């Protein structure tokens, strides 16, 4: 998959949205990528996961386990795990903090790939990296379908299939024209829909 074919897939599935969005980070943006609209189709999820797994392998990363943050990373993490023929587990929020639960374990020294759907600020990715490191695992890289810019600032090697940069604004700096468009909160963190 090329970056253009990834973005074309998002467009064809109605997953590349334009308007006024409040992101999980609290930033406002003119664009949003609703990965669930792509990943709801098993063939698309498999194809994107295979492509991301191949990109990770091509970058030379050896992986024992994929770790994804719930909610957005669940499906793509599973598909990348399948492509790499490794376990795929997830961390979930409990009282606002990411934790590994449900009997999942990371062993000291296990090589972890953190997989997300989209990296915007990198906050969830960094939280997931910290969860793995607290368990004694070694995070070899992070990967996502789309880099909205946050992947550029991660402290671990990073792989993505495509870049999609949309302007973002702090809540107190939203341009007048955008303020006139009703804001939508499409994310999955508490308080969002």
C-alpha atoms as a PDB file:
ATOM      1  CA  UNK A   1       0.000   0.000   0.000  1.00  0.00           C
ATOM      2  CA  UNK A   2       1.248   3.445  -0.876  1.00  0.00           C
ATOM      3  CA  UNK A   3       0.444   6.534   1.204  1.00  0.00           C
ATOM      4  CA  UNK A   4      -1.924   7.669  -1.550  1.00  0.00           C
ATOM      5  CA  UNK A   5      -3.751   4.318  -1.667  1.00  0.00           C
ATOM      6  CA  UNK A   6      -4.192   4.402   2.124  1.00  0.00           C
ATOM      7  CA  UNK A   7      -5.730   7.882   1.976  1.00  0.00           C
ATOM      8  CA  UNK A   8      -7.862   6.828  -1.024  1.00  0.00           C
ATOM      9  CA  UNK A   9      -9.168   3.904   1.055  1.00  0.00           C
ATOM     10  CA  UNK A  10     -10.099   6.327   3.859  1.00  0.00           C
ATOM     11  CA  UNK A  11     -11.877   8.594   1.378  1.00  0.00           C
ATOM     12  CA  UNK A  12     -13.760   5.700  -0.228  1.00  0.00           C
ATOM     13  CA  UNK A  13     -15.002   4.510   3.184  1.00  0.00           C
ATOM     14  CA  UNK A  14     -16.061   8.020   4.251  1.00  0.00           C
ATOM     15  CA  UNK A  15     -13.400   7.957   6.965  1.00  0.00           C
ATOM     16  CA  UNK A  16     -11.560  11.159   6.029  1.00  0.00           C
ATOM     17  CA  UNK A  17     -13.834  13.829   7.469  1.00  0.00           C
ATOM     18  CA  UNK A  18     -13.778  17.599   7.130  1.00  0.00           C
ATOM     19  CA  UNK A  19     -15.455  20.075   9.466  1.00  0.00           C
ATOM     20  CA  UNK A  20     -14.814  21.192  13.063  1.00  0.00           C
ATOM     21  CA  UNK A  21     -13.589  18.468  15.392  1.00  0.00           C
ATOM     22  CA  UNK A  22     -12.456  18.405  19.008  1.00  0.00           C
ATOM     23  CA  UNK A  23      -9.720  15.783  19.230  1.00  0.00           C
ATOM     24  CA  UNK A  24      -8.895  13.514  22.193  1.00  0.00           C
ATOM     25  CA  UNK A  25      -6.052  15.927  22.993  1.00  0.00           C
ATOM     26  CA  UNK A  26      -8.534  18.810  23.365  1.00  0.00           C
ATOM     27  CA  UNK A  27      -7.186  20.476  20.231  1.00  0.00           C
ATOM     28  CA  UNK A  28      -9.604  21.618  17.539  1.00  0.00           C
ATOM     29  CA  UNK A  29      -9.063  20.573  13.931  1.00  0.00           C
ATOM     30  CA  UNK A  30     -10.524  20.948  10.452  1.00  0.00           C
ATOM     31  CA  UNK A  31      -9.981  17.259   9.676  1.00  0.00           C
ATOM     32  CA  UNK A  32     -10.546  13.894  11.327  1.00  0.00           C
ATOM     33  CA  UNK A  33      -9.740  10.323  10.379  1.00  0.00           C
ATOM     34  CA  UNK A  34     -12.378   7.897  11.647  1.00  0.00           C
ATOM     35  CA  UNK A  35     -10.374   4.678  11.303  1.00  0.00           C
ATOM     36  CA  UNK A  36     -13.259   2.561  12.576  1.00  0.00           C
ATOM     37  CA  UNK A  37     -15.075   3.229   9.297  1.00  0.00           C
ATOM     38  CA  UNK A  38     -12.211   1.499   7.460  1.00  0.00           C
ATOM     39  CA  UNK A  39     -11.449  -1.191  10.043  1.00  0.00           C
ATOM     40  CA  UNK A  40     -15.099  -2.308  10.273  1.00  0.00           C
ATOM     41  CA  UNK A  41     -14.482  -4.075   6.972  1.00  0.00           C
ATOM     42  CA  UNK A  42     -12.442  -7.217   7.743  1.00  0.00           C
ATOM     43  CA  UNK A  43     -10.750  -7.298   4.325  1.00  0.00           C
ATOM     44  CA  UNK A  44      -9.648  -3.659   4.704  1.00  0.00           C
ATOM     45  CA  UNK A  45      -8.440  -4.263   8.265  1.00  0.00           C
ATOM     46  CA  UNK A  46      -6.459  -7.293   7.142  1.00  0.00           C
ATOM     47  CA  UNK A  47      -4.905  -5.450   4.179  1.00  0.00           C
ATOM     48  CA  UNK A  48      -3.931  -2.400   6.239  1.00  0.00           C
ATOM     49  CA  UNK A  49      -2.596  -4.612   9.060  1.00  0.00           C
ATOM     50  CA  UNK A  50      -0.561  -6.680   6.625  1.00  0.00           C
ATOM     51  CA  UNK A  51       0.880  -3.532   5.018  1.00  0.00           C
ATOM     52  CA  UNK A  52       1.778  -2.064   8.403  1.00  0.00           C
ATOM     53  CA  UNK A  53       3.334  -5.359   9.511  1.00  0.00           C
ATOM     54  CA  UNK A  54       5.393  -5.460   6.302  1.00  0.00           C
ATOM     55  CA  UNK A  55       6.552  -1.872   6.901  1.00  0.00           C
ATOM     56  CA  UNK A  56       7.631  -2.763  10.450  1.00  0.00           C
ATOM     57  CA  UNK A  57       9.470  -5.848   9.190  1.00  0.00           C
ATOM     58  CA  UNK A  58      11.115  -3.824   6.369  1.00  0.00           C
ATOM     59  CA  UNK A  59      12.338  -1.315   8.968  1.00  0.00           C
ATOM     60  CA  UNK A  60      14.168  -4.211  10.660  1.00  0.00           C
ATOM     61  CA  UNK A  61      12.188  -4.360  13.902  1.00  0.00           C
ATOM     62  CA  UNK A  62      12.025  -7.773  15.577  1.00  0.00           C
ATOM     63  CA  UNK A  63       8.819  -8.094  17.590  1.00  0.00           C
ATOM     64  CA  UNK A  64       7.555 -10.599  20.165  1.00  0.00           C
ATOM     65  CA  UNK A  65       4.220  -8.942  20.961  1.00  0.00           C
ATOM     66  CA  UNK A  66       2.001  -6.104  19.737  1.00  0.00           C
ATOM     67  CA  UNK A  67       0.551  -3.819  22.418  1.00  0.00           C
ATOM     68  CA  UNK A  68      -2.209  -1.362  21.524  1.00  0.00           C
ATOM     69  CA  UNK A  69      -4.199   1.153  23.518  1.00  0.00           C
ATOM     70  CA  UNK A  70      -7.942   0.538  23.603  1.00  0.00           C
ATOM     71  CA  UNK A  71     -10.105   1.588  21.875  1.00  0.00           C
ATOM     72  CA  UNK A  72      -8.659   2.749  18.579  1.00  0.00           C
ATOM     73  CA  UNK A  73      -5.677   0.410  18.498  1.00  0.00           C
ATOM     74  CA  UNK A  74      -7.561  -2.844  19.114  1.00  0.00           C
ATOM     75  CA  UNK A  75      -8.417  -3.941  15.589  1.00  0.00           C
ATOM     76  CA  UNK A  76      -5.303  -2.687  13.823  1.00  0.00           C
ATOM     77  CA  UNK A  77      -3.100  -4.082  16.612  1.00  0.00           C
ATOM     78  CA  UNK A  78      -4.713  -7.477  16.194  1.00  0.00           C
ATOM     79  CA  UNK A  79      -4.206  -7.388  12.421  1.00  0.00           C
ATOM     80  CA  UNK A  80      -0.564  -6.330  12.720  1.00  0.00           C
ATOM     81  CA  UNK A  81      -0.035  -9.127  15.256  1.00  0.00           C
ATOM     82  CA  UNK A  82      -1.524 -11.567  12.767  1.00  0.00           C
ATOM     83  CA  UNK A  83       0.722 -10.232   9.976  1.00  0.00           C
ATOM     84  CA  UNK A  84       3.804 -10.599  12.174  1.00  0.00           C
ATOM     85  CA  UNK A  85       2.635 -13.942  13.630  1.00  0.00           C
ATOM     86  CA  UNK A  86       2.936 -12.663  17.223  1.00  0.00           C
ATOM     87  CA  UNK A  87       0.559 -12.119  20.151  1.00  0.00           C
ATOM     88  CA  UNK A  88      -1.577  -8.983  20.089  1.00  0.00           C
ATOM     89  CA  UNK A  89      -2.712  -7.562  23.436  1.00  0.00           C
ATOM     90  CA  UNK A  90      -4.122  -4.249  24.563  1.00  0.00           C
ATOM     91  CA  UNK A  91      -4.042  -1.784  27.416  1.00  0.00           C
ATOM     92  CA  UNK A  92      -7.197  -0.059  28.582  1.00  0.00           C
ATOM     93  CA  UNK A  93      -8.035   2.939  30.726  1.00  0.00           C
ATOM     94  CA  UNK A  94      -9.005   2.415  34.333  1.00  0.00           C
ATOM     95  CA  UNK A  95      -9.650   5.626  36.266  1.00  0.00           C
ATOM     96  CA  UNK A  96      -7.998   7.543  33.430  1.00  0.00           C
ATOM     97  CA  UNK A  97      -4.765   5.511  33.423  1.00  0.00           C
ATOM     98  CA  UNK A  98      -3.713   2.874  30.880  1.00  0.00           C
ATOM     99  CA  UNK A  99      -3.289  -0.600  32.371  1.00  0.00           C
ATOM    100  CA  UNK A 100      -2.739  -4.106  31.119  1.00  0.00           C
ATOM    101  CA  UNK A 101      -5.645  -6.240  32.350  1.00  0.00           C
ATOM    102  CA  UNK A 102      -7.677  -9.335  31.406  1.00  0.00           C
ATOM    103  CA  UNK A 103      -4.828 -11.694  32.217  1.00  0.00           C
ATOM    104  CA  UNK A 104      -2.506 -10.186  29.590  1.00  0.00           C
ATOM    105  CA  UNK A 105       1.167 -10.101  30.580  1.00  0.00           C
ATOM    106  CA  UNK A 106       4.381  -8.708  29.237  1.00  0.00           C
ATOM    107  CA  UNK A 107       7.529 -10.524  30.255  1.00  0.00           C
ATOM    108  CA  UNK A 108      10.757  -8.707  31.093  1.00  0.00           C
ATOM    109  CA  UNK A 109      12.791  -8.302  27.928  1.00  0.00           C
ATOM    110  CA  UNK A 110       9.928  -9.041  25.516  1.00  0.00           C
ATOM    111  CA  UNK A 111      10.219  -6.925  22.367  1.00  0.00           C
ATOM    112  CA  UNK A 112       7.059  -4.831  22.040  1.00  0.00           C
ATOM    113  CA  UNK A 113       5.624  -3.003  19.063  1.00  0.00           C
ATOM    114  CA  UNK A 114       3.078  -0.344  20.091  1.00  0.00           C
ATOM    115  CA  UNK A 115       0.361  -0.094  17.423  1.00  0.00           C
ATOM    116  CA  UNK A 116      -2.240   2.651  17.062  1.00  0.00           C
ATOM    117  CA  UNK A 117      -4.720   3.610  14.378  1.00  0.00           C
ATOM    118  CA  UNK A 118      -3.738   7.307  14.225  1.00  0.00           C
ATOM    119  CA  UNK A 119      -1.012   9.229  16.052  1.00  0.00           C
ATOM    120  CA  UNK A 120      -1.991  12.878  16.486  1.00  0.00           C
ATOM    121  CA  UNK A 121      -0.077  14.256  19.488  1.00  0.00           C
ATOM    122  CA  UNK A 122       1.563  10.966  20.471  1.00  0.00           C
ATOM    123  CA  UNK A 123       0.122  11.090  23.997  1.00  0.00           C
ATOM    124  CA  UNK A 124      -1.621   7.684  23.898  1.00  0.00           C
ATOM    125  CA  UNK A 125       1.386   6.113  22.211  1.00  0.00           C
ATOM    126  CA  UNK A 126       3.738   7.425  24.893  1.00  0.00           C
ATOM    127  CA  UNK A 127       1.374   6.211  27.629  1.00  0.00           C
ATOM    128  CA  UNK A 128       1.341   2.763  26.024  1.00  0.00           C
ATOM    129  CA  UNK A 129       5.147   2.756  25.762  1.00  0.00           C
ATOM    130  CA  UNK A 130       5.302   3.571  29.493  1.00  0.00           C
ATOM    131  CA  UNK A 131       2.949   0.671  30.328  1.00  0.00           C
ATOM    132  CA  UNK A 132       5.210  -1.744  28.444  1.00  0.00           C
ATOM    133  CA  UNK A 133       8.366  -0.386  30.041  1.00  0.00           C
ATOM    134  CA  UNK A 134       6.839  -0.575  33.533  1.00  0.00           C
ATOM    135  CA  UNK A 135       6.327  -4.296  32.873  1.00  0.00           C
ATOM    136  CA  UNK A 136      10.012  -4.648  32.006  1.00  0.00           C
ATOM    137  CA  UNK A 137       9.422  -5.105  28.283  1.00  0.00           C
ATOM    138  CA  UNK A 138      11.495  -3.369  25.610  1.00  0.00           C
ATOM    139  CA  UNK A 139       9.603  -1.182  23.152  1.00  0.00           C
ATOM    140  CA  UNK A 140      11.371  -1.624  19.818  1.00  0.00           C
ATOM    141  CA  UNK A 141       9.091   0.695  17.827  1.00  0.00           C
ATOM    142  CA  UNK A 142       5.668   2.249  17.445  1.00  0.00           C
ATOM    143  CA  UNK A 143       3.483   2.074  14.346  1.00  0.00           C
ATOM    144  CA  UNK A 144       0.202   3.478  13.083  1.00  0.00           C
ATOM    145  CA  UNK A 145      -1.851   3.612   9.946  1.00  0.00           C
ATOM    146  CA  UNK A 146      -1.801   7.408   9.884  1.00  0.00           C
ATOM    147  CA  UNK A 147       0.654   9.951  11.274  1.00  0.00           C
ATOM    148  CA  UNK A 148      -1.049  13.284  11.941  1.00  0.00           C
ATOM    149  CA  UNK A 149       2.278  14.676  13.134  1.00  0.00           C
ATOM    150  CA  UNK A 150       2.706  13.221  16.619  1.00  0.00           C
ATOM    151  CA  UNK A 151       4.792  10.340  15.344  1.00  0.00           C
ATOM    152  CA  UNK A 152       7.535  12.816  14.553  1.00  0.00           C
ATOM    153  CA  UNK A 153       8.106  13.453  18.280  1.00  0.00           C
ATOM    154  CA  UNK A 154       8.079   9.903  19.660  1.00  0.00           C
ATOM    155  CA  UNK A 155      11.120   8.704  21.594  1.00  0.00           C
ATOM    156  CA  UNK A 156      11.059   5.300  19.851  1.00  0.00           C
ATOM    157  CA  UNK A 157      11.444   4.388  16.163  1.00  0.00           C
ATOM    158  CA  UNK A 158       8.167   4.970  14.354  1.00  0.00           C
ATOM    159  CA  UNK A 159       6.529   3.571  11.211  1.00  0.00           C
ATOM    160  CA  UNK A 160       3.308   4.718   9.534  1.00  0.00           C
ATOM    161  CA  UNK A 161       1.613   4.025   6.235  1.00  0.00           C
ATOM    162  CA  UNK A 162       0.595   7.611   5.451  1.00  0.00           C
ATOM    163  CA  UNK A 163       0.764  11.179   6.702  1.00  0.00           C
ATOM    164  CA  UNK A 164      -2.379  13.298   6.986  1.00  0.00           C
ATOM    165  CA  UNK A 165      -1.731  16.731   8.381  1.00  0.00           C
ATOM    166  CA  UNK A 166      -4.642  18.969   9.276  1.00  0.00           C
ATOM    167  CA  UNK A 167      -4.303  22.272  11.095  1.00  0.00           C
ATOM    168  CA  UNK A 168      -4.956  22.073  14.840  1.00  0.00           C
ATOM    169  CA  UNK A 169      -5.789  24.865  17.238  1.00  0.00           C
ATOM    170  CA  UNK A 170      -5.920  25.301  21.000  1.00  0.00           C
ATOM    171  CA  UNK A 171      -9.459  25.881  22.266  1.00  0.00           C
ATOM    172  CA  UNK A 172      -8.705  29.562  22.869  1.00  0.00           C
ATOM    173  CA  UNK A 173      -7.162  30.039  19.411  1.00  0.00           C
ATOM    174  CA  UNK A 174      -9.818  28.587  17.091  1.00  0.00           C
ATOM    175  CA  UNK A 175     -10.171  30.838  14.014  1.00  0.00           C
ATOM    176  CA  UNK A 176     -13.454  32.712  13.705  1.00  0.00           C
ATOM    177  CA  UNK A 177     -14.534  30.836  10.569  1.00  0.00           C
ATOM    178  CA  UNK A 178     -14.052  27.491  12.327  1.00  0.00           C
ATOM    179  CA  UNK A 179     -15.833  28.701  15.492  1.00  0.00           C
ATOM    180  CA  UNK A 180     -18.923  29.253  13.342  1.00  0.00           C
ATOM    181  CA  UNK A 181     -18.984  25.501  12.468  1.00  0.00           C
ATOM    182  CA  UNK A 182     -20.517  23.273  15.189  1.00  0.00           C
ATOM    183  CA  UNK A 183     -17.798  21.182  16.851  1.00  0.00           C
ATOM    184  CA  UNK A 184     -17.999  17.377  16.885  1.00  0.00           C
ATOM    185  CA  UNK A 185     -16.102  15.132  19.358  1.00  0.00           C
ATOM    186  CA  UNK A 186     -15.728  11.831  17.493  1.00  0.00           C
ATOM    187  CA  UNK A 187     -13.034  10.240  19.715  1.00  0.00           C
ATOM    188  CA  UNK A 188     -13.257   7.392  22.194  1.00  0.00           C
ATOM    189  CA  UNK A 189     -11.959   8.843  25.446  1.00  0.00           C
ATOM    190  CA  UNK A 190     -14.435   9.457  28.301  1.00  0.00           C
ATOM    191  CA  UNK A 191     -16.822  12.282  27.596  1.00  0.00           C
ATOM    192  CA  UNK A 192     -16.496  11.789  23.839  1.00  0.00           C
ATOM    193  CA  UNK A 193     -18.743  10.116  21.348  1.00  0.00           C
END
